[in-house]
Amino acid sequence: MSNDILMSRNELVQFLRKPADQFTSDDIVRFIEAKGIRMVNFRYAAGDGKLKSLNFVPYSREHLTLIMTAGERVDGSSLFSFIEAGSSDLYVMPRYRTAFVNPFSQTPTLEILCSFYNSEGKPLESSPEYILRKAIKRFTASTGYTIRALGELEYYVRSASETLYPLFDQKGYHQSKPFAKFEDLRVEALELCARAGCHIKYGHSEVGSFSKDGDDYEQHEIEFLHVPLDEAVEQLLIAKWILRMLGYKYGVEVSFAPKITVGKAGSGMHIHLMLEKDGNNIMVENGKLSDTARKMIAGILDLSKGLTAFGNTIPTSYLRLVPHQEAPTNICWGDRNRSVLVRVPLGWLGASQMIHDANPAEPSGKADKVSRQTVELRSPDGSADIYLLMAGIAVAIQHGLEMPGALEMAERLYVNYNIFKEKEKAEAKKLESLPASCWDSAEALLSLRKHFEKDGIFPAGVIDALASKLKSYKDQKLSEELYGNNEAIAKLVKEYLHCG
């Protein structure tokens, strides 16, 4: 039996003694019967990015098998704005590998994520989940590579202020209890996410911490391990649900909103990306970033204005994408530089001696020589339509690998300085800027739509519907209108506090 199965926290993997991607309907039924599961919940992400639910109470093995193999009908027009009521019936079908036991329900319950199908039983072309599947399939068929990704999920916990061990304003990075009040909530979330099949890298408290109007606001982050793009989306969706459920359980508010208040750290949802071929990381060649990785970066930068339409979908997104907040504003990339759009973080290159320096008694040959190099897209936030964002990223990476002059573009847009520093402003002015509003993102998406619509990956109707939604905010001059108006800012933040 593999170590992956032995060490998995997922009860189904442990019981069935097989990886989740090998689950069958018979496996699911056998687990439900053996474990006394009384309820099955279908879950699926709707147009607002939140997981919806459909509850089943199986009364027989035949009924349970029918649920698992035939799915159920739902009203698509109530889930997605681009589906009309006259042809709104959709099927939802469970994806067995996503099954996990609900850790909150008093009734033993199995959760399982679903895909959407049309009246002919074919995948719904406009479903964000299917758009991602199409993008992945085309990318791998065209390039022979696999994209792996991990998300960094930042969030704030809001609670009544405490006098003991008060928060240090914007000094929360990696704080521990008692100075990080909600470390226990985060640790519980890590455990529950692991049981739900998520692959966790780590969790920690983040920079953002402040007190305001009798409330404490404490920022935390959960970072995942890299997995295939579609699984990376599932990890983020499940983690968001678990964190919100824990907040509800403990009577505190958990928010993934990009901005809580002006002048304090916002919450991003950075995406780390890696290309693999035959199971090997190809981001590094001869001890430095490979040409393939540089082309990949160029493609992301070239389509980055359009990507904000998927990754930054509400007006307060653009209160985060401002200078001096460790959030990107210019289209550029660099090494270990948090002011750029695409960052190349440390990748353990040439660092194998650390283990022996810290532990002189450690036998030689134990250091990890497998490359873990990624590149990090720093613009997205918690408002993102995560399926469409990942699909857009796949399109952008393929665009970079196929684009003439990609290496030259990468060379031109590389910066090795802090673009926010006064002495570097002249150089920074040569760089293009990201969109400054939902309206600008919609315009950018429409101007770049041919890249996303190529080969039918993004249906035209989805692009039109998203652009229309973004423009409906009419936020072209929002930052100017809000400047100095704390009351209006607070009202706007409250309106979008529970985005995505």
Foldseek 3Di string as FASTA:
>chain_A
DDPCLVPFLAPLSVVVVDALQPDDLVSVLVCCVVVVAQKEWEWEAFPLRAIDIDIDGDDDSVSSSCCQPVADWDFQVVRYVLDDRVQGIKGWHFNRSQWGWDPPDPHTYIYTYTFIAGPVRHGDLQDLLVLLVVLQVVLCVVPVKFKWKKKKQKKKKKDFADPPLGEDALQQWQDDPPNQPCPVLVVVLVSVLSNSPFAWDDKGWHRHWDDDPRMTITMIITIGDIDGQSVNSVSVNVSVVSSQVSCVVVVIHMFQAQDQAQPTAGFFIKMWMFMDHPRATPQDDPLHGDPLVLLLLLLCLVLVLLLCLQFPPAFCLLSNCDPPRLAEWFRFEEEPASHHQKYWYDWCRPVQCPVCVVPVVDDPPPGDPGTPTIIMGRRGTPQGSSSNSSSVSSLSSSCSNPPPCSNVSNVVRYDDDRCRDPVNVVVRVVTHTHDNFLQSNLVSCVVVVCSSCPPHSNDPSSSVVSSVSSCVVVCNPVCVVCVPPRVVRNVSCVVCRHGD
